[in-house]
Amino acid sequence: MEIRLRRSPAVEAPSSANGPRGRFDGTMRRSSDPVPLAPSALRAIVASIAGMLAVAIVSATPRSPYYPVLPDGVQASGPLRWIADEVGLQHLGDVGLMAVGLIAVVAAAIGFILILREAWHRRITMRWVWGLTIAFHLLVLTLPLLFSRDVYSYAYYGRIWNSYGANPYVLTPKDFPYNALWTLTWPGWRGTPSVYGPLFTWVSVLTTGFVKSVGSQIIGFRLLAAAASVGTMVVVGRLVRRVRPERAVFAVAVIGLNPITIYQVVGGGHNDMLVAFFVAAAVSMLFSKRELAAAVCLALGMSVKASAVVPLILLMVAIAASTEPERRLRLLAKFAAVVGGIWLLLAAPFLQWANPTLGMFELSGHDSGKAPGRLIVTGFSWVATSIGGQRLKTPAEVGAHLVLFGLAIVGVWMIGRRIWTDPSARRPTAQIAAWGWALLTVILLAPMLGSWYLVWVLPLAWALPRVARRTLILLCVGFTVTELVTETANLPAFVQSVRFPVGHPVAVAVCFWIASDLIRRLRRHTPLDAETPEPRFGDAFEAGPLPHVIDDGTDEPAVAGGLAPLGLARRR
């Protein structure tokens, strides 16, 4: 019996000898060939590079408004300094440098939101995101310390243990003023014991023990922040590529291409990136159904900063709710023993009765003019002083802080209650969204608000719905633009007198927006990770331009950036 191979009569394969024939009337493009960038993606990449480079050039200028007080002899050098000198920035006065600095941070913010939109629609590839991310990290590490003096406090607490044999949770820099770090440390924190967890205190002890000069210690903390940043992106990128591949590029871009991450966290050497890393690791463990490992990661994050206790509480609620009642107590005791044991092991040398929480509540005595809660503090103070004069101002401010603390607890409790009562809220993605909502609630209601706090939520951004996700992005953009001058003493006198009596305008606006959306979701039993059909602020911008379609010789159009046509449809 003869068997003949059949093939569609409409298709004839091309021959290398005779050239293309049949339907194939042109050169075939292999799937591995690079796809040209869409025009909008190319513009976004150029805008991101230009904005970040502009900030770097201003950062390389002597007397840059981005500088905190620097150690003697520390200044920028290399190509960035040469560019800054060539364009004549060193000849500008303080006001002129502020103006140029403002233009630079506005350009960086615009570049960020443009490239983030392209990443959301996958019109840029992961290779582009990683290439720019590594370049930006290397760029900022060539510059002096930026935007914050906190790194000096890190080193001071380490030296209190190493050089003076004292407990940094009991004694303060004020007790040891004859130190090279004294004039560099922010005056408002010189009388404050360590507000960081025991794990990070050990990091400070080890850093100052092995590295003696102030300049080298600054480099050490900044390298640690950079390593934590890259590590966070690796963990998040690998996870989201597996569980939500259509958001993988965005998940990495929102961290690595963010001016807050690059210039304020890595450039300032902040430890908040360590918190973000442990949160990201906990998310990865949760999706792998390794809840105990996730709890350990959050315990380590809590040992850097207390903020990681928020997702830890919600994780424990989900575990308890998913466990049979007869096993619940035993399982919770097991988790508590592991988490508590890790914390006690790290904290044991520092424990005492003078400050038994190791600075966990020390921040409650501080506030900042940027926090939205400033609105409540100002209102309480105004009413109190109107009724009873200045003697009631301090009690009113304490009462306002207690109200803010209570509102944050209520917000986290409401989210935890949803997890407890709704099994669908215990899905991994829903839990991650709940962590993001809760952290944003705590950040916006805290008396202290620093732009670097926002990185706690960045590893969770990919799981958040529109309002929460855009709130986070708007906060990043708002603080990028307004965190312009590090040392207020360098501001013109008329600007120094300006105070935000109600907090940062962007933070206050998004606080009401996200609160209304959260309350609506909780009342309507809408999943915390679900998109809702109602139009929201930013829909038109996020939709962006129409996709750039390329004719690749197949029946299906290929979209620049490698995105399937269906995935690039405008979202309504």
Protein backbone atom coordinates (compact mmCIF):
# COMPACT_ATOMS: atom_id res chain seq x y z
CA MET A 1 0.00 0.00 0.00
CA GLU A 2 1.37 3.42 -0.93
CA ILE A 3 1.15 6.22 1.62
CA ARG A 4 1.51 9.74 0.26
CA LEU A 5 2.35 12.73 2.38
CA ARG A 6 -0.31 15.39 2.09
CA ARG A 7 0.17 19.08 2.26
CA SER A 8 -2.07 22.02 1.75
CA PRO A 9 -2.13 22.95 -1.95
CA ALA A 10 -2.21 26.60 -1.04
CA VAL A 11 1.21 26.51 0.61
CA GLU A 12 4.48 25.83 -1.14
CA ALA A 13 7.66 25.97 0.85
CA PRO A 14 10.35 28.22 -0.55
CA SER A 15 13.46 26.67 -2.03
CA SER A 16 16.89 28.05 -1.34
CA ALA A 17 17.72 27.57 -4.98
CA ASN A 18 14.67 29.07 -6.57
CA GLY A 19 13.96 31.82 -4.05
CA PRO A 20 10.59 32.54 -2.48
CA ARG A 21 7.57 31.11 -4.23
CA GLY A 22 3.86 30.57 -3.63
CA ARG A 23 2.38 32.57 -0.75
CA PHE A 24 5.82 33.40 0.61
CA ASP A 25 6.70 36.34 -1.58
CA GLY A 26 9.26 37.88 0.77
CA THR A 27 11.95 37.04 3.28
CA MET A 28 10.62 35.12 6.29
CA ARG A 29 11.28 36.74 9.70
CA ARG A 30 12.35 34.31 12.38
CA SER A 31 10.54 34.53 15.71
CA SER A 32 13.91 35.10 17.38
CA ASP A 33 14.58 38.24 15.36
CA PRO A 34 14.32 41.46 17.41
CA VAL A 35 11.04 43.31 16.95
CA PRO A 36 11.40 47.06 16.38
CA LEU A 37 10.31 49.27 19.24
CA ALA A 38 7.03 51.09 18.90
CA PRO A 39 7.47 54.87 18.49
CA SER A 40 5.85 55.46 21.89
CA ALA A 41 8.24 52.98 23.51
CA LEU A 42 11.26 54.63 21.88
CA ARG A 43 10.11 58.05 23.09
CA ALA A 44 9.60 56.70 26.60
CA ILE A 45 13.07 55.16 26.72
CA VAL A 46 14.66 58.39 25.52
CA ALA A 47 12.62 60.38 28.08
CA SER A 48 13.63 58.03 30.90
CA ILE A 49 17.32 58.18 30.02
CA ALA A 50 17.26 61.95 29.57
CA GLY A 51 15.45 62.57 32.85
CA MET A 52 17.64 60.27 34.93
CA LEU A 53 20.79 61.62 33.29
CA ALA A 54 19.68 65.20 33.98
CA VAL A 55 19.26 64.41 37.69
CA ALA A 56 22.70 62.74 37.70
CA ILE A 57 24.34 65.80 36.11
CA VAL A 58 22.77 68.14 38.67
CA SER A 59 23.85 65.68 41.38
CA ALA A 60 27.43 65.95 40.15
CA THR A 61 27.45 69.74 40.48
CA PRO A 62 29.17 71.35 43.49
CA ARG A 63 26.54 72.79 45.86
CA SER A 64 23.88 70.58 44.28
CA PRO A 65 20.50 71.06 45.99
CA TYR A 66 20.25 67.27 46.23
CA TYR A 67 23.22 67.01 48.59
CA PRO A 68 22.91 66.57 52.33
CA VAL A 69 25.87 67.70 54.43
CA LEU A 70 28.83 65.75 53.08
CA PRO A 71 32.10 64.74 54.76
CA ASP A 72 35.06 66.96 54.03
CA GLY A 73 36.63 66.30 50.66
CA VAL A 74 33.71 64.32 49.25
CA GLN A 75 32.62 65.53 45.82
CA ALA A 76 31.60 64.16 42.46
CA SER A 77 34.19 63.37 39.82
CA GLY A 78 34.41 61.67 36.47
CA PRO A 79 32.34 62.19 33.31
CA LEU A 80 29.24 63.51 35.09
CA ARG A 81 31.24 66.21 36.85
CA TRP A 82 32.89 67.11 33.55
CA ILE A 83 29.48 67.48 31.87
CA ALA A 84 28.19 69.61 34.74
CA ASP A 85 31.24 71.87 34.47
CA GLU A 86 30.98 72.10 30.70
CA VAL A 87 27.37 73.32 30.83
CA GLY A 88 28.35 75.84 33.52
CA LEU A 89 26.16 74.64 36.38
CA GLN A 90 28.90 75.51 38.91
CA HIS A 91 28.46 79.19 38.05
CA LEU A 92 24.78 79.27 39.02
CA GLY A 93 23.62 80.61 42.35
CA ASP A 94 21.51 78.61 44.80
CA VAL A 95 18.23 79.73 43.24
CA GLY A 96 19.50 78.97 39.73
CA LEU A 97 20.65 75.49 40.77
CA MET A 98 17.27 74.90 42.39
CA ALA A 99 15.53 75.86 39.16
CA VAL A 100 17.71 73.54 37.09
CA GLY A 101 17.27 70.81 39.69
CA LEU A 102 13.50 71.20 39.50
CA ILE A 103 13.58 70.85 35.71
CA ALA A 104 15.71 67.70 36.10
CA VAL A 105 13.41 65.95 38.60
CA VAL A 106 10.33 66.90 36.56
CA ALA A 107 11.99 65.36 33.50
CA ALA A 108 12.81 62.21 35.49
CA ALA A 109 9.21 61.95 36.72
CA ILE A 110 7.83 62.34 33.19
CA GLY A 111 10.23 59.74 31.85
CA PHE A 112 9.20 57.35 34.62
CA ILE A 113 5.48 57.50 33.98
CA LEU A 114 5.98 57.25 30.21
CA ILE A 115 8.19 54.18 30.39
CA LEU A 116 5.97 52.64 33.05
CA ARG A 117 3.01 52.91 30.68
CA GLU A 118 5.00 51.17 27.95
CA ALA A 119 6.01 48.47 30.40
CA TRP A 120 2.38 47.97 31.43
CA HIS A 121 1.47 47.29 27.80
CA ARG A 122 4.70 45.32 27.17
CA ARG A 123 5.77 47.59 24.36
CA ILE A 124 9.26 47.38 25.82
CA THR A 125 10.99 44.13 26.61
CA MET A 126 12.42 42.83 29.86
CA ARG A 127 15.91 43.21 28.38
CA TRP A 128 15.40 46.93 27.95
CA VAL A 129 14.11 47.27 31.52
CA TRP A 130 17.04 45.37 32.98
CA GLY A 131 19.57 47.20 30.83
CA LEU A 132 18.30 50.60 31.95
CA THR A 133 17.98 49.44 35.55
CA ILE A 134 21.59 48.30 35.81
CA ALA A 135 22.79 51.45 34.05
CA PHE A 136 20.86 53.70 36.45
CA HIS A 137 22.14 51.83 39.50
CA LEU A 138 25.74 52.12 38.34
CA LEU A 139 25.19 55.78 37.51
CA VAL A 140 23.96 56.74 40.97
CA LEU A 141 26.77 54.84 42.70
CA THR A 142 29.29 57.15 41.02
CA LEU A 143 27.73 60.14 42.79
CA PRO A 144 28.07 61.41 46.37
CA LEU A 145 25.39 60.75 48.98
CA LEU A 146 22.01 62.16 47.95
CA PHE A 147 18.78 63.44 49.51
CA SER A 148 19.17 62.22 53.09
CA ARG A 149 21.42 62.11 56.14
CA ASP A 150 19.94 58.87 57.51
CA VAL A 151 23.04 56.89 56.58
CA TYR A 152 24.99 58.88 59.18
CA SER A 153 22.55 57.75 61.87
CA TYR A 154 23.00 54.13 60.71
CA ALA A 155 26.75 54.48 61.14
CA TYR A 156 26.43 56.31 64.47
CA TYR A 157 24.34 53.52 66.01
CA GLY A 158 26.91 50.99 64.85
CA ARG A 159 29.72 53.03 66.36
CA ILE A 160 27.88 53.36 69.69
CA TRP A 161 28.14 49.57 69.98
CA ASN A 162 31.59 49.14 68.42
CA SER A 163 33.51 52.17 69.65
CA TYR A 164 31.82 52.89 72.98
CA GLY A 165 30.53 49.48 74.04
CA ALA A 166 27.05 50.92 74.64
CA ASN A 167 23.53 49.93 73.62
CA PRO A 168 22.21 52.07 70.71
CA TYR A 169 18.64 51.45 71.91
CA VAL A 170 19.44 53.12 75.25
CA LEU A 171 22.09 55.74 74.53
CA THR A 172 22.02 58.18 71.63
CA PRO A 173 24.51 60.10 69.49
CA LYS A 174 23.97 62.99 71.91
CA ASP A 175 25.75 60.94 74.57
CA PHE A 176 28.86 60.67 72.35
CA PRO A 177 29.20 64.05 70.61
CA TYR A 178 32.97 63.83 70.07
CA ASN A 179 32.67 61.77 66.94
CA ALA A 180 33.30 62.56 63.28
CA LEU A 181 29.64 61.76 62.55
CA TRP A 182 28.26 64.32 65.02
CA THR A 183 28.21 67.31 62.66
CA LEU A 184 26.90 65.15 59.81
CA THR A 185 23.93 63.64 61.67
CA TRP A 186 20.60 65.43 61.39
CA PRO A 187 20.15 67.58 64.55
CA GLY A 188 16.62 66.31 65.17
CA TRP A 189 17.86 62.72 65.46
CA ARG A 190 20.93 63.24 67.62
CA GLY A 191 18.95 62.64 70.81
CA THR A 192 17.02 59.64 69.48
CA PRO A 193 17.96 56.01 70.14
CA SER A 194 17.88 53.58 67.23
CA VAL A 195 14.46 53.25 65.59
CA TYR A 196 15.53 50.29 63.46
CA GLY A 197 15.12 46.59 64.04
CA PRO A 198 17.85 44.41 65.53
CA LEU A 199 18.84 42.82 62.21
CA PHE A 200 19.70 46.18 60.71
CA THR A 201 21.45 47.27 63.88
CA TRP A 202 23.72 44.26 63.44
CA VAL A 203 24.27 45.37 59.83
CA SER A 204 25.35 48.78 61.17
CA VAL A 205 27.60 47.15 63.76
CA LEU A 206 29.29 44.93 61.17
CA THR A 207 29.65 47.75 58.63
CA THR A 208 31.26 50.16 61.09
CA GLY A 209 33.35 47.34 62.55
CA PHE A 210 34.96 46.37 59.25
CA VAL A 211 35.02 49.81 57.60
CA LYS A 212 36.37 52.70 59.64
CA SER A 213 36.20 55.87 57.51
CA VAL A 214 32.92 57.74 57.15
CA GLY A 215 33.23 57.81 53.36
CA SER A 216 33.70 54.04 53.17
CA GLN A 217 30.77 53.45 55.49
CA ILE A 218 28.55 55.54 53.22
CA ILE A 219 29.66 53.43 50.26
CA GLY A 220 28.92 50.26 52.21
CA PHE A 221 25.33 51.23 53.00
CA ARG A 222 24.71 52.40 49.44
CA LEU A 223 26.07 49.16 47.97
CA LEU A 224 23.79 47.24 50.33
CA ALA A 225 20.80 49.28 49.14
CA ALA A 226 21.75 48.67 45.50
CA ALA A 227 22.16 44.93 46.08
CA ALA A 228 18.80 44.76 47.84
CA SER A 229 17.20 46.69 44.98
CA VAL A 230 18.53 44.34 42.31
CA GLY A 231 17.71 41.32 44.45
CA THR A 232 14.14 42.53 44.88
CA MET A 233 13.74 42.90 41.13
CA VAL A 234 15.15 39.42 40.50
CA VAL A 235 12.72 37.83 42.97
CA VAL A 236 9.72 39.81 41.73
CA GLY A 237 10.57 39.33 38.05
CA ARG A 238 10.95 35.56 38.33
CA LEU A 239 7.72 35.21 40.31
CA VAL A 240 5.50 37.43 38.18
CA ARG A 241 6.81 35.90 34.96
CA ARG A 242 5.47 32.60 36.32
CA VAL A 243 2.15 33.64 37.88
CA ARG A 244 1.15 36.78 35.93
CA PRO A 245 3.40 36.96 32.86
CA GLU A 246 1.50 39.83 31.25
CA ARG A 247 2.59 42.06 34.18
CA ALA A 248 6.18 40.86 34.54
CA VAL A 249 7.79 43.78 32.68
CA PHE A 250 5.75 46.30 34.66
CA ALA A 251 6.56 44.55 37.96
CA VAL A 252 10.30 45.01 37.40
CA ALA A 253 10.08 48.46 35.81
CA VAL A 254 8.10 50.03 38.66
CA ILE A 255 11.01 49.18 40.97
CA GLY A 256 14.13 49.50 38.84
CA LEU A 257 13.23 52.52 36.69
CA ASN A 258 11.73 54.47 39.58
CA PRO A 259 13.57 57.72 40.48
CA ILE A 260 12.64 57.13 44.13
CA THR A 261 14.43 53.77 44.08
CA ILE A 262 17.47 55.03 42.20
CA TYR A 263 18.18 58.43 43.66
CA GLN A 264 16.51 58.54 47.04
CA VAL A 265 16.86 54.94 48.24
CA VAL A 266 20.05 53.69 46.56
CA GLY A 267 21.53 57.18 46.28
CA GLY A 268 20.72 57.83 49.94
CA GLY A 269 21.76 54.37 51.18
CA HIS A 270 18.37 53.74 52.82
CA ASN A 271 17.60 50.44 54.53
CA ASP A 272 14.00 50.45 53.24
CA MET A 273 15.12 48.45 50.21
CA LEU A 274 15.98 45.59 52.57
CA VAL A 275 12.37 45.64 53.77
CA ALA A 276 11.20 45.51 50.15
CA PHE A 277 13.50 42.56 49.48
CA PHE A 278 12.12 40.55 52.40
CA VAL A 279 8.54 41.42 51.40
CA ALA A 280 9.29 40.22 47.84
CA ALA A 281 10.83 37.00 49.19
CA ALA A 282 7.75 36.43 51.36
CA VAL A 283 5.51 36.85 48.30
CA SER A 284 7.55 34.25 46.42
CA MET A 285 7.30 31.83 49.34
CA LEU A 286 3.55 32.38 49.57
CA PHE A 287 3.02 31.44 45.94
CA SER A 288 5.16 28.34 46.52
CA LYS A 289 2.80 27.40 49.39
CA ARG A 290 5.60 27.73 51.93
CA GLU A 291 3.78 29.88 54.46
CA LEU A 292 6.28 29.30 57.26
CA ALA A 293 9.13 30.47 55.04
CA ALA A 294 7.05 33.52 54.10
CA ALA A 295 6.57 34.29 57.79
CA VAL A 296 10.33 33.97 58.36
CA CYS A 297 11.01 36.44 55.53
CA LEU A 298 8.58 38.95 57.03
CA ALA A 299 10.10 38.42 60.48
CA LEU A 300 13.47 39.36 58.99
CA GLY A 301 11.89 42.38 57.32
CA MET A 302 10.35 43.37 60.66
CA SER A 303 13.84 43.11 62.14
CA VAL A 304 14.91 45.86 59.74
CA LYS A 305 11.87 48.12 60.13
CA ALA A 306 8.67 47.52 62.05
CA SER A 307 6.52 48.17 58.96
CA ALA A 308 6.90 44.52 57.84
CA VAL A 309 4.73 43.50 60.78
CA VAL A 310 1.69 44.63 58.74
CA PRO A 311 1.88 41.92 56.04
CA LEU A 312 3.00 39.46 58.72
CA ILE A 313 -0.24 40.03 60.65
CA LEU A 314 -2.33 39.57 57.50
CA LEU A 315 -0.42 36.40 56.61
CA MET A 316 -1.15 34.97 60.06
CA VAL A 317 -4.84 35.86 59.69
CA ALA A 318 -4.99 34.02 56.35
CA ILE A 319 -3.21 30.96 57.78
CA ALA A 320 -5.50 30.84 60.81
CA ALA A 321 -8.64 31.26 58.72
CA SER A 322 -7.58 28.45 56.37
CA THR A 323 -6.87 26.00 59.20
CA GLU A 324 -9.38 23.70 60.91
CA PRO A 325 -10.42 25.11 64.30
CA GLU A 326 -8.98 22.15 66.21
CA ARG A 327 -5.54 22.68 64.64
CA ARG A 328 -5.56 26.47 64.59
CA LEU A 329 -4.09 27.19 67.99
CA ARG A 330 -1.26 24.69 67.58
CA LEU A 331 -0.34 26.01 64.15
CA LEU A 332 -0.36 29.63 65.29
CA ALA A 333 1.80 28.70 68.27
CA LYS A 334 4.29 27.10 65.88
CA PHE A 335 4.46 30.20 63.68
CA ALA A 336 4.71 32.50 66.69
CA ALA A 337 7.54 30.42 68.13
CA VAL A 338 9.52 30.58 64.88
CA VAL A 339 8.93 34.29 64.23
CA GLY A 340 9.43 35.27 67.86
CA GLY A 341 12.49 33.06 68.15
CA ILE A 342 14.16 34.74 65.15
CA TRP A 343 13.47 38.19 66.52
CA LEU A 344 14.65 37.28 70.04
CA LEU A 345 17.81 35.68 68.68
CA LEU A 346 18.69 38.89 66.85
CA ALA A 347 17.54 41.21 69.63
CA ALA A 348 18.89 39.36 72.69
CA PRO A 349 22.08 41.44 73.15
CA PHE A 350 20.08 44.68 72.97
CA LEU A 351 17.14 43.81 75.24
CA GLN A 352 16.62 45.92 78.37
CA TRP A 353 13.74 47.55 80.26
CA ALA A 354 14.49 51.16 79.34
CA ASN A 355 13.44 50.61 75.71
CA PRO A 356 11.93 47.08 75.62
CA THR A 357 10.41 47.44 72.12
CA LEU A 358 13.79 48.43 70.65
CA GLY A 359 12.57 51.69 69.21
CA MET A 360 9.44 50.23 67.60
CA PHE A 361 7.31 53.09 68.92
CA GLU A 362 10.01 55.75 68.93
CA LEU A 363 8.82 57.19 65.61
CA SER A 364 5.42 57.98 67.12
CA GLY A 365 7.07 60.97 68.78
CA HIS A 366 8.22 62.39 65.44
CA ASP A 367 6.25 63.86 62.59
CA SER A 368 6.84 65.48 59.23
CA GLY A 369 5.08 68.17 57.27
CA LYS A 370 4.64 65.80 54.32
CA ALA A 371 2.35 63.27 56.01
CA PRO A 372 -1.38 63.61 55.20
CA GLY A 373 -2.03 63.11 58.90
CA ARG A 374 -0.64 66.61 59.34
CA LEU A 375 -4.15 67.77 58.46
CA ILE A 376 -5.52 66.10 61.60
CA VAL A 377 -2.60 67.25 63.76
CA THR A 378 -3.03 70.85 62.59
CA GLY A 379 -6.77 70.72 63.13
CA PHE A 380 -6.46 69.33 66.67
CA SER A 381 -3.78 71.90 67.55
CA TRP A 382 -5.81 74.81 66.19
CA VAL A 383 -8.92 73.83 68.13
CA ALA A 384 -6.96 73.18 71.32
CA THR A 385 -5.01 76.46 71.22
CA SER A 386 -8.18 78.39 70.37
CA ILE A 387 -9.86 77.00 73.46
CA GLY A 388 -7.06 76.79 76.01
CA GLY A 389 -4.00 78.46 74.55
CA GLN A 390 -0.53 77.05 73.99
CA ARG A 391 -0.66 74.81 77.07
CA LEU A 392 -3.07 72.50 75.25
CA LYS A 393 -1.07 72.29 72.04
CA THR A 394 1.13 69.34 73.04
CA PRO A 395 -1.74 67.24 74.46
CA ALA A 396 -3.70 67.95 71.27
CA GLU A 397 -0.84 66.78 69.08
CA VAL A 398 -0.49 63.60 71.15
CA GLY A 399 -4.22 63.03 70.77
CA ALA A 400 -4.00 63.56 67.01
CA HIS A 401 -1.19 60.99 66.75
CA LEU A 402 -3.32 58.52 68.69
CA VAL A 403 -6.22 59.14 66.31
CA LEU A 404 -3.97 58.49 63.30
CA PHE A 405 -2.63 55.34 64.92
CA GLY A 406 -6.19 54.21 65.61
CA LEU A 407 -7.29 54.87 62.02
CA ALA A 408 -4.37 52.82 60.72
CA ILE A 409 -5.32 49.95 63.03
CA VAL A 410 -8.93 50.14 61.89
CA GLY A 411 -7.86 50.07 58.23
CA VAL A 412 -5.63 47.01 58.70
CA TRP A 413 -8.34 45.34 60.82
CA MET A 414 -10.94 45.84 58.07
CA ILE A 415 -8.60 44.28 55.50
CA GLY A 416 -7.81 41.43 57.88
CA ARG A 417 -11.51 40.85 58.50
CA ARG A 418 -12.08 40.49 54.76
CA ILE A 419 -9.34 37.84 54.64
CA TRP A 420 -10.87 36.04 57.64
CA THR A 421 -14.44 35.96 56.33
CA ASP A 422 -13.92 35.52 52.57
CA PRO A 423 -12.07 32.40 51.35
CA SER A 424 -11.45 34.02 47.96
CA ALA A 425 -9.45 36.75 49.73
CA ARG A 426 -6.95 34.07 50.77
CA ARG A 427 -5.84 33.37 47.21
CA PRO A 428 -2.14 34.27 46.88
CA THR A 429 -2.76 37.20 44.51
CA ALA A 430 -5.59 38.50 46.69
CA GLN A 431 -3.37 38.28 49.77
CA ILE A 432 -0.59 40.20 48.03
CA ALA A 433 -3.06 42.92 47.05
CA ALA A 434 -4.28 43.03 50.67
CA TRP A 435 -0.69 43.56 51.86
CA GLY A 436 -0.34 46.44 49.41
CA TRP A 437 -3.58 48.08 50.51
CA ALA A 438 -2.62 47.73 54.18
CA LEU A 439 0.91 49.12 53.72
CA LEU A 440 -0.43 52.10 51.78
CA THR A 441 -2.94 52.69 54.59
CA VAL A 442 -0.21 52.66 57.22
CA ILE A 443 2.13 54.86 55.15
CA LEU A 444 -0.50 57.52 54.48
CA LEU A 445 -1.72 57.61 58.08
CA ALA A 446 1.71 57.57 59.71
CA PRO A 447 2.89 60.81 61.39
CA MET A 448 6.20 60.40 59.55
CA LEU A 449 6.23 60.08 55.77
CA GLY A 450 9.42 59.69 53.78
CA SER A 451 9.53 59.08 50.05
CA TRP A 452 11.67 55.98 50.68
CA TYR A 453 8.74 54.34 52.56
CA LEU A 454 7.05 53.83 49.20
CA VAL A 455 9.50 51.10 48.20
CA TRP A 456 7.90 48.80 50.79
CA VAL A 457 4.92 48.53 48.44
CA LEU A 458 6.72 48.41 45.09
CA PRO A 459 7.17 44.58 45.09
CA LEU A 460 3.37 44.31 45.41
CA ALA A 461 2.41 46.89 42.77
CA TRP A 462 1.78 44.31 40.04
CA ALA A 463 -1.05 42.72 42.08
CA LEU A 464 -2.84 45.97 42.92
CA PRO A 465 -5.95 47.20 41.08
CA ARG A 466 -6.08 50.58 39.36
CA VAL A 467 -6.73 53.00 42.22
CA ALA A 468 -4.20 51.50 44.62
CA ARG A 469 -1.61 51.03 41.88
CA ARG A 470 -2.02 54.56 40.55
CA THR A 471 -1.96 55.96 44.08
CA LEU A 472 1.47 54.39 44.54
CA ILE A 473 2.70 55.72 41.20
CA LEU A 474 1.33 59.22 41.84
CA LEU A 475 3.07 59.28 45.22
CA CYS A 476 6.34 58.26 43.58
CA VAL A 477 5.96 60.97 40.94
CA GLY A 478 4.86 63.61 43.46
CA PHE A 479 7.76 62.98 45.82
CA THR A 480 10.24 62.80 42.94
CA VAL A 481 9.29 66.34 41.94
CA THR A 482 8.97 67.91 45.39
CA GLU A 483 11.96 66.29 47.15
CA LEU A 484 14.20 68.90 45.61
CA VAL A 485 16.33 70.45 48.35
CA THR A 486 17.78 68.20 51.04
CA GLU A 487 19.10 70.89 53.37
CA THR A 488 16.37 73.44 54.12
CA ALA A 489 19.04 75.90 55.26
CA ASN A 490 20.04 76.22 51.60
CA LEU A 491 16.60 77.43 50.61
CA PRO A 492 15.89 81.13 50.11
CA ALA A 493 14.49 82.74 53.24
CA PHE A 494 11.00 83.23 51.79
CA VAL A 495 10.82 79.52 50.88
CA GLN A 496 12.05 78.35 54.30
CA SER A 497 9.04 80.00 55.89
CA VAL A 498 6.62 77.98 53.75
CA ARG A 499 5.03 75.04 55.56
CA PHE A 500 2.40 72.57 54.41
CA PRO A 501 -0.11 72.78 57.30
CA VAL A 502 -2.10 69.88 55.84
CA GLY A 503 0.70 67.65 54.52
CA HIS A 504 1.99 66.97 51.03
CA PRO A 505 -0.74 68.02 48.54
CA VAL A 506 -0.37 64.90 46.38
CA ALA A 507 -0.39 62.62 49.42
CA VAL A 508 -3.50 64.30 50.84
CA ALA A 509 -5.36 64.06 47.52
CA VAL A 510 -4.60 60.38 46.93
CA CYS A 511 -5.32 59.61 50.59
CA PHE A 512 -8.99 60.52 50.12
CA TRP A 513 -9.09 58.77 46.72
CA ILE A 514 -7.68 55.46 47.91
CA ALA A 515 -9.72 55.54 51.14
CA SER A 516 -12.97 55.92 49.24
CA ASP A 517 -12.09 53.07 46.88
CA LEU A 518 -11.06 50.77 49.74
CA ILE A 519 -14.24 51.45 51.71
CA ARG A 520 -16.33 50.90 48.58
CA ARG A 521 -14.64 47.56 47.94
CA LEU A 522 -15.11 46.39 51.51
CA ARG A 523 -18.78 47.39 51.57
CA ARG A 524 -19.54 45.78 48.19
CA HIS A 525 -17.40 42.69 48.90
CA THR A 526 -15.30 43.42 45.81
CA PRO A 527 -12.02 41.43 45.81
CA LEU A 528 -9.07 43.59 46.77
CA ASP A 529 -7.15 42.51 43.68
CA ALA A 530 -10.03 42.82 41.18
CA GLU A 531 -10.43 45.55 38.59
CA THR A 532 -13.81 47.26 38.60
CA PRO A 533 -15.67 48.47 35.50
CA GLU A 534 -16.14 52.08 36.67
CA PRO A 535 -13.97 54.66 34.89
CA ARG A 536 -11.12 55.92 37.04
CA PHE A 537 -8.69 58.81 36.94
CA GLY A 538 -5.79 57.93 34.64
CA ASP A 539 -7.61 55.46 32.38
CA ALA A 540 -7.01 57.46 29.20
CA PHE A 541 -3.34 58.02 29.96
CA GLU A 542 -2.69 54.39 30.89
CA ALA A 543 -4.37 53.22 27.68
CA GLY A 544 -1.81 55.28 25.77
CA PRO A 545 -1.40 55.37 21.98
CA LEU A 546 -2.67 52.61 19.75
CA PRO A 547 -0.29 49.65 19.43
CA HIS A 548 2.30 49.73 16.70
CA VAL A 549 1.46 46.78 14.45
CA ILE A 550 4.08 45.14 12.26
CA ASP A 551 3.30 43.01 9.23
CA ASP A 552 5.49 39.96 9.74
CA GLY A 553 4.07 37.90 6.88
CA THR A 554 1.68 35.84 9.01
CA ASP A 555 -2.07 35.89 9.42
CA GLU A 556 -1.64 37.35 12.95
CA PRO A 557 -0.13 40.81 13.34
CA ALA A 558 2.97 41.10 15.49
CA VAL A 559 3.10 44.03 17.87
CA ALA A 560 6.25 45.98 18.52
CA GLY A 561 7.63 44.98 21.88
CA GLY A 562 6.55 41.36 21.53
CA LEU A 563 2.99 41.68 22.88
CA ALA A 564 0.18 39.57 21.57
CA PRO A 565 -2.51 41.65 19.86
CA LEU A 566 -5.19 40.71 22.39
CA GLY A 567 -3.05 41.77 25.34
CA LEU A 568 -2.56 45.24 23.93
CA ALA A 569 -6.21 46.06 23.52
CA ARG A 570 -7.20 49.25 25.24
CA ARG A 571 -8.67 48.62 28.64
CA ARG A 572 -12.08 50.16 29.26
